[in-house]
N, C-alpha and C. Protein backbone atom coordinates (compact mmCIF):
# COMPACT_ATOMS: atom_id res chain seq x y z
N MET A 1 118.01 126.91 81.64
CA MET A 1 117.74 125.49 81.85
C MET A 1 117.58 125.18 83.33
N ARG A 2 118.48 125.72 84.15
CA ARG A 2 118.43 125.45 85.59
C ARG A 2 117.17 126.01 86.22
N SER A 3 116.76 127.20 85.81
CA SER A 3 115.54 127.79 86.39
C SER A 3 114.30 126.98 85.99
N GLY A 4 114.33 126.40 84.80
CA GLY A 4 113.22 125.54 84.37
C GLY A 4 113.12 124.29 85.22
N LEU A 5 114.27 123.73 85.56
CA LEU A 5 114.30 122.55 86.41
C LEU A 5 113.81 122.88 87.82
N ILE A 6 114.22 124.03 88.32
CA ILE A 6 113.78 124.46 89.65
C ILE A 6 112.27 124.68 89.65
N ARG A 7 111.75 125.30 88.60
CA ARG A 7 110.31 125.54 88.49
C ARG A 7 109.55 124.20 88.42
N LEU A 8 110.08 123.27 87.62
CA LEU A 8 109.44 121.95 87.52
C LEU A 8 109.44 121.24 88.86
N ARG A 9 110.55 121.32 89.59
CA ARG A 9 110.65 120.69 90.90
C ARG A 9 109.62 121.28 91.86
N ALA A 10 109.40 122.59 91.76
CA ALA A 10 108.44 123.25 92.64
C ALA A 10 107.01 122.95 92.24
N GLN A 11 106.75 122.77 90.95
CA GLN A 11 105.39 122.52 90.47
C GLN A 11 104.96 121.06 90.60
N ALA A 12 105.90 120.15 90.65
CA ALA A 12 105.57 118.72 90.70
C ALA A 12 104.68 118.36 91.88
N PRO A 13 104.98 118.79 93.10
CA PRO A 13 104.10 118.42 94.22
C PRO A 13 102.68 118.96 94.05
N VAL A 14 102.56 120.19 93.54
CA VAL A 14 101.23 120.77 93.35
C VAL A 14 100.49 120.02 92.25
N SER A 15 101.18 119.69 91.18
CA SER A 15 100.54 118.93 90.10
C SER A 15 100.08 117.56 90.59
N LEU A 16 100.93 116.91 91.38
CA LEU A 16 100.53 115.62 91.96
C LEU A 16 99.36 115.79 92.91
N GLY A 17 99.34 116.90 93.65
CA GLY A 17 98.22 117.18 94.55
C GLY A 17 96.92 117.36 93.79
N VAL A 18 96.97 118.10 92.68
CA VAL A 18 95.77 118.29 91.86
C VAL A 18 95.31 116.96 91.29
N LEU A 19 96.24 116.15 90.81
CA LEU A 19 95.89 114.82 90.29
C LEU A 19 95.26 113.96 91.39
N THR A 20 95.79 114.09 92.60
CA THR A 20 95.22 113.36 93.74
C THR A 20 93.79 113.79 94.02
N LEU A 21 93.56 115.10 93.98
CA LEU A 21 92.19 115.60 94.20
C LEU A 21 91.24 115.09 93.12
N LEU A 22 91.68 115.08 91.88
CA LEU A 22 90.85 114.55 90.80
C LEU A 22 90.55 113.06 91.01
N ALA A 23 91.55 112.31 91.40
CA ALA A 23 91.34 110.88 91.68
C ALA A 23 90.36 110.70 92.83
N SER A 24 90.41 111.60 93.81
CA SER A 24 89.48 111.54 94.94
C SER A 24 88.05 111.82 94.50
N VAL A 25 87.89 112.75 93.58
CA VAL A 25 86.55 113.05 93.04
C VAL A 25 86.00 111.84 92.31
N VAL A 26 86.84 111.19 91.52
CA VAL A 26 86.40 109.98 90.81
C VAL A 26 85.99 108.91 91.81
N LEU A 27 86.73 108.78 92.90
CA LEU A 27 86.36 107.82 93.95
C LEU A 27 84.98 108.13 94.50
N LEU A 28 84.69 109.41 94.75
CA LEU A 28 83.37 109.79 95.26
C LEU A 28 82.28 109.54 94.22
N VAL A 29 82.59 109.77 92.95
CA VAL A 29 81.61 109.49 91.89
C VAL A 29 81.24 108.01 91.92
N TRP A 30 82.23 107.14 92.15
CA TRP A 30 81.95 105.70 92.21
C TRP A 30 80.87 105.41 93.25
N ASN A 31 80.88 106.13 94.36
CA ASN A 31 79.91 105.89 95.42
C ASN A 31 78.49 106.21 95.00
N PHE A 32 78.33 107.15 94.10
CA PHE A 32 76.99 107.53 93.65
C PHE A 32 76.59 106.83 92.36
N ARG A 33 77.56 106.43 91.55
CA ARG A 33 77.27 105.78 90.28
C ARG A 33 78.22 104.61 90.02
N PRO A 34 78.20 103.59 90.87
CA PRO A 34 79.16 102.48 90.69
C PRO A 34 78.97 101.74 89.37
N ASN A 35 77.76 101.83 88.81
CA ASN A 35 77.51 101.13 87.54
C ASN A 35 78.27 101.75 86.37
N LEU A 36 78.86 102.93 86.54
CA LEU A 36 79.66 103.56 85.49
C LEU A 36 81.07 102.96 85.41
N PHE A 37 81.42 102.15 86.38
CA PHE A 37 82.79 101.66 86.49
C PHE A 37 82.83 100.14 86.36
N PRO A 38 83.98 99.61 85.96
CA PRO A 38 84.13 98.15 85.90
C PRO A 38 84.04 97.53 87.30
N VAL A 39 83.76 96.25 87.33
CA VAL A 39 83.73 95.52 88.59
C VAL A 39 85.12 95.64 89.23
N ARG A 40 85.16 95.80 90.52
CA ARG A 40 86.38 95.91 91.33
C ARG A 40 87.15 97.21 91.08
N ALA A 41 86.53 98.16 90.41
CA ALA A 41 87.20 99.45 90.17
C ALA A 41 87.46 100.17 91.49
N HIS A 42 86.60 99.93 92.47
CA HIS A 42 86.74 100.64 93.74
C HIS A 42 88.09 100.36 94.40
N ASP A 43 88.60 99.15 94.24
CA ASP A 43 89.90 98.82 94.83
C ASP A 43 90.98 99.77 94.32
N VAL A 44 91.02 99.95 93.01
CA VAL A 44 92.01 100.85 92.40
C VAL A 44 91.68 102.30 92.73
N LEU A 45 90.40 102.66 92.65
CA LEU A 45 90.01 104.04 92.92
C LEU A 45 90.28 104.44 94.38
N GLY A 46 90.20 103.49 95.28
CA GLY A 46 90.51 103.78 96.68
C GLY A 46 92.01 103.87 96.94
N ALA A 47 92.77 103.09 96.21
CA ALA A 47 94.22 103.07 96.42
C ALA A 47 94.94 104.23 95.73
N LEU A 48 94.43 104.65 94.58
CA LEU A 48 95.14 105.64 93.77
C LEU A 48 95.37 106.97 94.49
N PRO A 49 94.35 107.59 95.09
CA PRO A 49 94.64 108.87 95.77
C PRO A 49 95.63 108.71 96.93
N LEU A 50 95.58 107.59 97.61
CA LEU A 50 96.50 107.36 98.72
C LEU A 50 97.94 107.25 98.23
N ALA A 51 98.14 106.52 97.14
CA ALA A 51 99.48 106.38 96.59
C ALA A 51 99.97 107.71 96.01
N LEU A 52 99.09 108.43 95.33
CA LEU A 52 99.49 109.71 94.74
C LEU A 52 99.88 110.73 95.79
N ILE A 53 99.13 110.79 96.89
CA ILE A 53 99.46 111.78 97.91
C ILE A 53 100.77 111.41 98.61
N ALA A 54 101.07 110.12 98.68
CA ALA A 54 102.36 109.69 99.24
C ALA A 54 103.50 110.21 98.38
N VAL A 55 103.36 110.08 97.07
CA VAL A 55 104.39 110.56 96.15
C VAL A 55 104.48 112.08 96.20
N ALA A 56 103.33 112.75 96.28
CA ALA A 56 103.30 114.22 96.36
C ALA A 56 104.01 114.71 97.62
N CYS A 57 103.81 114.00 98.71
CA CYS A 57 104.45 114.36 99.98
C CYS A 57 105.97 114.28 99.86
N LEU A 58 106.46 113.22 99.25
CA LEU A 58 107.90 113.08 99.06
C LEU A 58 108.44 114.10 98.05
N ALA A 59 107.65 114.37 97.00
CA ALA A 59 108.07 115.36 96.02
C ALA A 59 108.17 116.75 96.64
N GLN A 60 107.26 117.05 97.56
CA GLN A 60 107.30 118.34 98.24
C GLN A 60 108.59 118.49 99.05
N GLN A 61 108.96 117.45 99.76
CA GLN A 61 110.19 117.50 100.55
C GLN A 61 111.41 117.63 99.65
N ALA A 62 111.40 116.93 98.52
CA ALA A 62 112.52 117.04 97.58
C ALA A 62 112.59 118.43 96.98
N ALA A 63 111.43 119.00 96.67
CA ALA A 63 111.40 120.34 96.05
C ALA A 63 111.93 121.40 97.00
N ARG A 64 111.64 121.25 98.26
CA ARG A 64 112.12 122.25 99.22
C ARG A 64 113.48 121.90 99.81
N ARG A 65 114.04 120.79 99.32
CA ARG A 65 115.35 120.34 99.77
C ARG A 65 115.40 120.24 101.29
N ALA A 66 114.46 119.49 101.80
CA ALA A 66 114.30 119.33 103.25
C ALA A 66 115.52 118.67 103.87
N GLY A 67 115.70 118.94 105.13
CA GLY A 67 116.76 118.28 105.89
C GLY A 67 116.40 116.82 106.12
N TRP A 68 117.36 116.08 106.63
CA TRP A 68 117.15 114.63 106.78
C TRP A 68 116.03 114.31 107.75
N ARG A 69 115.83 115.09 108.79
CA ARG A 69 114.75 114.81 109.75
C ARG A 69 113.39 114.98 109.09
N ASP A 70 113.24 116.07 108.34
CA ASP A 70 111.98 116.28 107.63
C ASP A 70 111.75 115.20 106.58
N LEU A 71 112.83 114.78 105.95
CA LEU A 71 112.71 113.71 104.95
C LEU A 71 112.31 112.39 105.60
N VAL A 72 112.85 112.10 106.77
CA VAL A 72 112.47 110.89 107.50
C VAL A 72 110.98 110.94 107.85
N LYS A 73 110.53 112.09 108.35
CA LYS A 73 109.12 112.23 108.73
C LYS A 73 108.21 112.12 107.51
N ALA A 74 108.60 112.73 106.39
CA ALA A 74 107.81 112.64 105.16
C ALA A 74 107.78 111.21 104.63
N THR A 75 108.90 110.51 104.75
CA THR A 75 108.96 109.12 104.31
C THR A 75 108.06 108.24 105.17
N LEU A 76 108.04 108.51 106.46
CA LEU A 76 107.15 107.80 107.37
C LEU A 76 105.68 108.00 106.96
N LEU A 77 105.32 109.24 106.69
CA LEU A 77 103.95 109.54 106.27
C LEU A 77 103.63 108.90 104.92
N ALA A 78 104.56 108.99 103.98
CA ALA A 78 104.35 108.38 102.67
C ALA A 78 104.19 106.87 102.80
N ALA A 79 104.99 106.25 103.63
CA ALA A 79 104.87 104.79 103.84
C ALA A 79 103.51 104.44 104.43
N ALA A 80 103.02 105.26 105.34
CA ALA A 80 101.69 105.01 105.92
C ALA A 80 100.63 105.04 104.82
N PHE A 81 100.70 106.05 103.96
CA PHE A 81 99.73 106.14 102.86
C PHE A 81 99.87 104.96 101.90
N LEU A 82 101.10 104.53 101.64
CA LEU A 82 101.30 103.41 100.72
C LEU A 82 100.80 102.09 101.30
N PHE A 83 101.00 101.88 102.61
CA PHE A 83 100.45 100.67 103.22
C PHE A 83 98.92 100.69 103.21
N TRP A 84 98.35 101.86 103.43
CA TRP A 84 96.89 102.00 103.37
C TRP A 84 96.41 101.73 101.94
N ALA A 85 97.14 102.25 100.96
CA ALA A 85 96.80 102.01 99.57
C ALA A 85 96.86 100.52 99.24
N ALA A 86 97.88 99.84 99.75
CA ALA A 86 98.01 98.40 99.51
C ALA A 86 96.82 97.65 100.10
N ASN A 87 96.39 98.07 101.27
CA ASN A 87 95.22 97.46 101.89
C ASN A 87 93.97 97.66 101.03
N GLN A 88 93.84 98.84 100.43
CA GLN A 88 92.69 99.13 99.56
C GLN A 88 92.76 98.35 98.25
N LEU A 89 93.96 98.26 97.70
CA LEU A 89 94.14 97.63 96.40
C LEU A 89 94.00 96.12 96.45
N TRP A 90 94.47 95.51 97.53
CA TRP A 90 94.44 94.05 97.64
C TRP A 90 93.74 93.62 98.92
N PRO A 91 92.44 93.88 99.06
CA PRO A 91 91.76 93.58 100.32
C PRO A 91 91.68 92.07 100.65
N GLU A 92 91.77 91.22 99.63
CA GLU A 92 91.67 89.77 99.89
C GLU A 92 93.00 89.14 100.24
N LEU A 93 94.07 89.87 100.07
CA LEU A 93 95.39 89.34 100.38
C LEU A 93 95.46 89.01 101.87
N PRO A 94 96.06 87.89 102.23
CA PRO A 94 96.18 87.56 103.66
C PRO A 94 96.89 88.65 104.46
N GLN A 95 97.76 89.42 103.82
CA GLN A 95 98.50 90.48 104.52
C GLN A 95 97.74 91.80 104.56
N ALA A 96 96.53 91.87 104.03
CA ALA A 96 95.79 93.14 103.96
C ALA A 96 95.59 93.75 105.35
N THR A 97 95.24 92.93 106.31
CA THR A 97 95.06 93.45 107.67
C THR A 97 96.38 93.95 108.23
N LEU A 98 97.46 93.24 107.95
CA LEU A 98 98.78 93.70 108.38
C LEU A 98 99.12 95.04 107.74
N PHE A 99 98.86 95.19 106.43
CA PHE A 99 99.11 96.47 105.75
C PHE A 99 98.34 97.59 106.44
N ASN A 100 97.08 97.32 106.74
CA ASN A 100 96.24 98.32 107.41
C ASN A 100 96.80 98.67 108.78
N ASP A 101 97.20 97.66 109.54
CA ASP A 101 97.73 97.90 110.88
C ASP A 101 99.05 98.67 110.85
N ILE A 102 99.91 98.35 109.88
CA ILE A 102 101.15 99.11 109.73
C ILE A 102 100.84 100.57 109.40
N ALA A 103 99.87 100.78 108.52
CA ALA A 103 99.46 102.16 108.19
C ALA A 103 99.00 102.89 109.44
N ILE A 104 98.19 102.24 110.26
CA ILE A 104 97.70 102.87 111.49
C ILE A 104 98.87 103.25 112.39
N VAL A 105 99.79 102.32 112.60
CA VAL A 105 100.94 102.59 113.47
C VAL A 105 101.77 103.75 112.92
N LEU A 106 101.99 103.79 111.62
CA LEU A 106 102.78 104.87 111.04
C LEU A 106 102.06 106.21 111.13
N PHE A 107 100.75 106.24 110.94
CA PHE A 107 99.99 107.49 111.11
C PHE A 107 100.05 107.96 112.56
N VAL A 108 99.89 107.03 113.49
CA VAL A 108 99.96 107.39 114.91
C VAL A 108 101.35 107.93 115.25
N LEU A 109 102.39 107.28 114.73
CA LEU A 109 103.75 107.73 114.97
C LEU A 109 103.97 109.13 114.38
N ASP A 110 103.44 109.37 113.19
CA ASP A 110 103.56 110.69 112.56
C ASP A 110 102.91 111.77 113.42
N VAL A 111 101.71 111.51 113.91
CA VAL A 111 101.03 112.49 114.75
C VAL A 111 101.75 112.65 116.09
N PHE A 112 102.25 111.55 116.63
CA PHE A 112 103.01 111.65 117.88
C PHE A 112 104.22 112.56 117.70
N PHE A 113 104.95 112.37 116.59
CA PHE A 113 106.09 113.24 116.33
C PHE A 113 105.66 114.70 116.24
N ALA A 114 104.52 114.96 115.63
CA ALA A 114 104.01 116.33 115.55
C ALA A 114 103.70 116.86 116.95
N LEU A 115 103.14 116.02 117.81
CA LEU A 115 102.79 116.44 119.17
C LEU A 115 104.02 116.80 120.00
N VAL A 116 105.10 116.07 119.80
CA VAL A 116 106.30 116.34 120.59
C VAL A 116 107.23 117.33 119.89
N GLY A 117 106.82 117.80 118.70
CA GLY A 117 107.59 118.81 118.00
C GLY A 117 108.83 118.31 117.31
N TRP A 118 108.77 117.08 116.81
CA TRP A 118 109.91 116.54 116.06
C TRP A 118 109.53 116.36 114.61
N PRO A 119 110.32 116.78 113.70
CA PRO A 119 111.52 117.55 113.92
C PRO A 119 111.18 119.01 114.23
N ALA A 120 112.05 119.67 114.96
CA ALA A 120 111.84 121.07 115.31
C ALA A 120 111.82 121.91 114.03
N PRO A 121 110.93 122.89 113.96
CA PRO A 121 110.89 123.74 112.76
C PRO A 121 112.22 124.47 112.57
N THR A 122 112.63 124.58 111.32
CA THR A 122 113.85 125.32 111.02
C THR A 122 113.48 126.73 110.60
N GLU A 123 114.31 127.66 110.94
CA GLU A 123 114.03 129.06 110.60
C GLU A 123 114.99 129.58 109.57
């Protein structure tokens, strides 16, 4: 039973990643054949891969039982993707620009942390 749970924990991020890639393909299909989709489908199709990859990122950290610093960094990245997804899903919302700007700041912060080597790799 325990080994099955460990295997499931390890497979979840990859499964979410594959689902994210499939959602991304559907998003690209919309660009070539928008008439195949309902009106406003692009909002959901644009947000879905962003939200899924955020969850996959957190699932990966949970599966590898990351330390708190890695978990903080993964949460920062996941939040950036979720704010970007919110901007895609609700573009008419008065806060849409704020969601987008928060996503930008969080992505910049994530890359800055990578540039300065935080968190330091564990061996």
